[in-house]
Amino acid sequence: METKLAKKKEEIRGMAQSLQAMTHEAEESRAKYMVLKTRKNKLKTELINRIDHFVRLKATEMLLMLELGFL
């Protein structure tokens, strides 16, 4: 009887360690996801800023072309 109890305790201990490892992996995955999400948002903001800058340059170019009579 005691050997069955000891085996059961060891089995439960192993399951608890496995659960702790899975929890740790989930936390790491969540942290990696947050880093990637932050990086994506920064790149998206930079892209929008560059597109905005390009549009302003094109508008300035059009105004210059109109003033110089090329259009």
N, C-alpha and C. Protein backbone atom coordinates (compact mmCIF):
# COMPACT_ATOMS: atom_id res chain seq x y z
N MET A 1 0.81 -1.19 0.00
CA MET A 1 0.00 0.00 0.00
C MET A 1 0.86 1.26 0.00
N GLU A 2 1.91 1.24 0.82
CA GLU A 2 2.77 2.41 0.90
C GLU A 2 3.51 2.65 -0.41
N THR A 3 3.86 1.57 -1.12
CA THR A 3 4.55 1.76 -2.40
C THR A 3 3.62 2.40 -3.42
N LYS A 4 2.33 2.03 -3.40
CA LYS A 4 1.37 2.65 -4.31
C LYS A 4 1.21 4.13 -3.99
N LEU A 5 1.18 4.42 -2.69
CA LEU A 5 1.05 5.81 -2.26
C LEU A 5 2.29 6.61 -2.66
N ALA A 6 3.46 6.00 -2.49
CA ALA A 6 4.70 6.68 -2.87
C ALA A 6 4.74 6.91 -4.38
N LYS A 7 4.30 5.90 -5.15
CA LYS A 7 4.27 6.06 -6.61
C LYS A 7 3.30 7.16 -7.01
N LYS A 8 2.16 7.21 -6.33
CA LYS A 8 1.15 8.22 -6.64
C LYS A 8 1.68 9.62 -6.32
N LYS A 9 2.38 9.74 -5.16
CA LYS A 9 2.97 11.02 -4.79
C LYS A 9 4.00 11.46 -5.83
N GLU A 10 4.82 10.52 -6.27
CA GLU A 10 5.85 10.83 -7.28
C GLU A 10 5.19 11.24 -8.60
N GLU A 11 4.12 10.54 -8.96
CA GLU A 11 3.40 10.87 -10.19
C GLU A 11 2.82 12.29 -10.11
N ILE A 12 2.23 12.61 -8.97
CA ILE A 12 1.66 13.95 -8.77
C ILE A 12 2.75 15.01 -8.78
N ARG A 13 3.88 14.71 -8.17
CA ARG A 13 5.01 15.64 -8.15
C ARG A 13 5.50 15.90 -9.58
N GLY A 14 5.58 14.84 -10.37
CA GLY A 14 5.99 14.99 -11.77
C GLY A 14 5.00 15.82 -12.57
N MET A 15 3.72 15.60 -12.32
CA MET A 15 2.68 16.38 -13.01
C MET A 15 2.76 17.85 -12.61
N ALA A 16 3.04 18.12 -11.34
CA ALA A 16 3.15 19.50 -10.86
C ALA A 16 4.35 20.19 -11.51
N GLN A 17 5.47 19.49 -11.61
CA GLN A 17 6.64 20.06 -12.26
C GLN A 17 6.38 20.33 -13.74
N SER A 18 5.68 19.42 -14.37
CA SER A 18 5.32 19.59 -15.78
C SER A 18 4.43 20.82 -15.96
N LEU A 19 3.48 20.98 -15.06
CA LEU A 19 2.58 22.13 -15.11
C LEU A 19 3.35 23.43 -14.90
N GLN A 20 4.30 23.43 -13.98
CA GLN A 20 5.12 24.62 -13.75
C GLN A 20 5.94 24.96 -14.99
N ALA A 21 6.49 23.95 -15.64
CA ALA A 21 7.27 24.18 -16.86
C ALA A 21 6.39 24.75 -17.97
N MET A 22 5.19 24.21 -18.10
CA MET A 22 4.26 24.71 -19.12
C MET A 22 3.86 26.15 -18.83
N THR A 23 3.65 26.48 -17.56
CA THR A 23 3.30 27.84 -17.18
C THR A 23 4.44 28.79 -17.51
N HIS A 24 5.66 28.38 -17.23
CA HIS A 24 6.83 29.20 -17.53
C HIS A 24 6.95 29.42 -19.04
N GLU A 25 6.76 28.38 -19.83
CA GLU A 25 6.82 28.51 -21.29
C GLU A 25 5.73 29.45 -21.80
N ALA A 26 4.55 29.37 -21.21
CA ALA A 26 3.45 30.26 -21.61
C ALA A 26 3.80 31.71 -21.30
N GLU A 27 4.41 31.96 -20.16
CA GLU A 27 4.81 33.32 -19.80
C GLU A 27 5.87 33.85 -20.76
N GLU A 28 6.83 32.99 -21.13
CA GLU A 28 7.85 33.40 -22.10
C GLU A 28 7.23 33.70 -23.45
N SER A 29 6.29 32.87 -23.87
CA SER A 29 5.62 33.09 -25.15
C SER A 29 4.86 34.41 -25.13
N ARG A 30 4.20 34.69 -24.04
CA ARG A 30 3.46 35.96 -23.90
C ARG A 30 4.41 37.14 -23.97
N ALA A 31 5.57 37.03 -23.32
CA ALA A 31 6.55 38.12 -23.35
C ALA A 31 7.07 38.33 -24.78
N LYS A 32 7.35 37.23 -25.48
CA LYS A 32 7.82 37.35 -26.87
C LYS A 32 6.75 37.98 -27.74
N TYR A 33 5.49 37.60 -27.52
CA TYR A 33 4.38 38.18 -28.28
C TYR A 33 4.31 39.69 -28.05
N MET A 34 4.45 40.12 -26.80
CA MET A 34 4.37 41.54 -26.49
C MET A 34 5.52 42.31 -27.15
N VAL A 35 6.72 41.72 -27.17
CA VAL A 35 7.86 42.36 -27.83
C VAL A 35 7.59 42.50 -29.32
N LEU A 36 7.09 41.44 -29.94
CA LEU A 36 6.78 41.49 -31.38
C LEU A 36 5.68 42.50 -31.67
N LYS A 37 4.69 42.56 -30.81
CA LYS A 37 3.58 43.50 -31.00
C LYS A 37 4.10 44.94 -30.91
N THR A 38 4.97 45.21 -29.95
CA THR A 38 5.55 46.54 -29.79
C THR A 38 6.39 46.90 -31.01
N ARG A 39 7.20 45.96 -31.48
CA ARG A 39 8.04 46.19 -32.66
C ARG A 39 7.16 46.48 -33.88
N LYS A 40 6.08 45.72 -34.04
CA LYS A 40 5.16 45.92 -35.16
C LYS A 40 4.56 47.32 -35.11
N ASN A 41 4.14 47.74 -33.93
CA ASN A 41 3.54 49.06 -33.79
C ASN A 41 4.53 50.17 -34.11
N LYS A 42 5.79 50.01 -33.68
CA LYS A 42 6.81 51.01 -33.99
C LYS A 42 7.07 51.08 -35.49
N LEU A 43 7.17 49.92 -36.13
CA LEU A 43 7.39 49.90 -37.58
C LEU A 43 6.21 50.50 -38.34
N LYS A 44 5.02 50.21 -37.87
CA LYS A 44 3.81 50.75 -38.50
C LYS A 44 3.81 52.28 -38.40
N THR A 45 4.13 52.80 -37.22
CA THR A 45 4.20 54.24 -37.02
C THR A 45 5.25 54.87 -37.91
N GLU A 46 6.42 54.24 -38.00
CA GLU A 46 7.49 54.76 -38.85
C GLU A 46 7.07 54.76 -40.31
N LEU A 47 6.41 53.71 -40.75
CA LEU A 47 5.94 53.64 -42.13
C LEU A 47 4.94 54.75 -42.43
N ILE A 48 4.00 54.95 -41.53
CA ILE A 48 3.01 56.02 -41.72
C ILE A 48 3.69 57.38 -41.78
N ASN A 49 4.67 57.61 -40.91
CA ASN A 49 5.40 58.88 -40.93
C ASN A 49 6.15 59.08 -42.24
N ARG A 50 6.77 58.03 -42.74
CA ARG A 50 7.52 58.15 -44.00
C ARG A 50 6.58 58.38 -45.18
N ILE A 51 5.44 57.72 -45.18
CA ILE A 51 4.46 57.94 -46.25
C ILE A 51 3.97 59.38 -46.20
N ASP A 52 3.69 59.88 -45.00
CA ASP A 52 3.24 61.26 -44.83
C ASP A 52 4.30 62.23 -45.34
N HIS A 53 5.55 61.98 -45.01
CA HIS A 53 6.65 62.83 -45.47
C HIS A 53 6.73 62.80 -47.00
N PHE A 54 6.61 61.63 -47.59
CA PHE A 54 6.67 61.49 -49.05
C PHE A 54 5.53 62.26 -49.71
N VAL A 55 4.33 62.16 -49.14
CA VAL A 55 3.18 62.88 -49.70
C VAL A 55 3.41 64.39 -49.63
N ARG A 56 3.97 64.86 -48.52
CA ARG A 56 4.27 66.29 -48.41
C ARG A 56 5.31 66.72 -49.44
N LEU A 57 6.31 65.89 -49.65
CA LEU A 57 7.33 66.21 -50.67
C LEU A 57 6.70 66.27 -52.06
N LYS A 58 5.82 65.34 -52.36
CA LYS A 58 5.15 65.33 -53.67
C LYS A 58 4.28 66.58 -53.83
N ALA A 59 3.59 66.99 -52.77
CA ALA A 59 2.76 68.19 -52.84
C ALA A 59 3.62 69.42 -53.07
N THR A 60 4.76 69.49 -52.40
CA THR A 60 5.69 70.61 -52.60
C THR A 60 6.21 70.61 -54.03
N GLU A 61 6.53 69.44 -54.54
CA GLU A 61 7.00 69.33 -55.92
C GLU A 61 5.93 69.82 -56.90
N MET A 62 4.69 69.44 -56.67
CA MET A 62 3.60 69.88 -57.55
C MET A 62 3.44 71.40 -57.50
N LEU A 63 3.52 71.98 -56.31
CA LEU A 63 3.41 73.44 -56.20
C LEU A 63 4.53 74.14 -56.94
N LEU A 64 5.74 73.63 -56.80
CA LEU A 64 6.88 74.21 -57.52
C LEU A 64 6.70 74.09 -59.02
N MET A 65 6.25 72.94 -59.47
CA MET A 65 6.04 72.74 -60.91
C MET A 65 4.99 73.71 -61.43
N LEU A 66 3.92 73.93 -60.65
CA LEU A 66 2.87 74.87 -61.06
C LEU A 66 3.41 76.30 -61.10
N GLU A 67 4.17 76.68 -60.08
CA GLU A 67 4.72 78.04 -60.03
C GLU A 67 5.73 78.29 -61.14
N LEU A 68 6.47 77.26 -61.49
CA LEU A 68 7.47 77.42 -62.56
C LEU A 68 6.86 77.25 -63.94
N GLY A 69 5.61 76.87 -64.00
CA GLY A 69 4.92 76.76 -65.28
C GLY A 69 5.16 75.46 -66.02
N PHE A 70 5.61 74.45 -65.34
CA PHE A 70 5.82 73.16 -66.01
C PHE A 70 4.54 72.33 -66.08
N LEU A 71 3.52 72.75 -65.38
CA LEU A 71 2.24 72.03 -65.41
C LEU A 71 1.13 72.93 -65.89
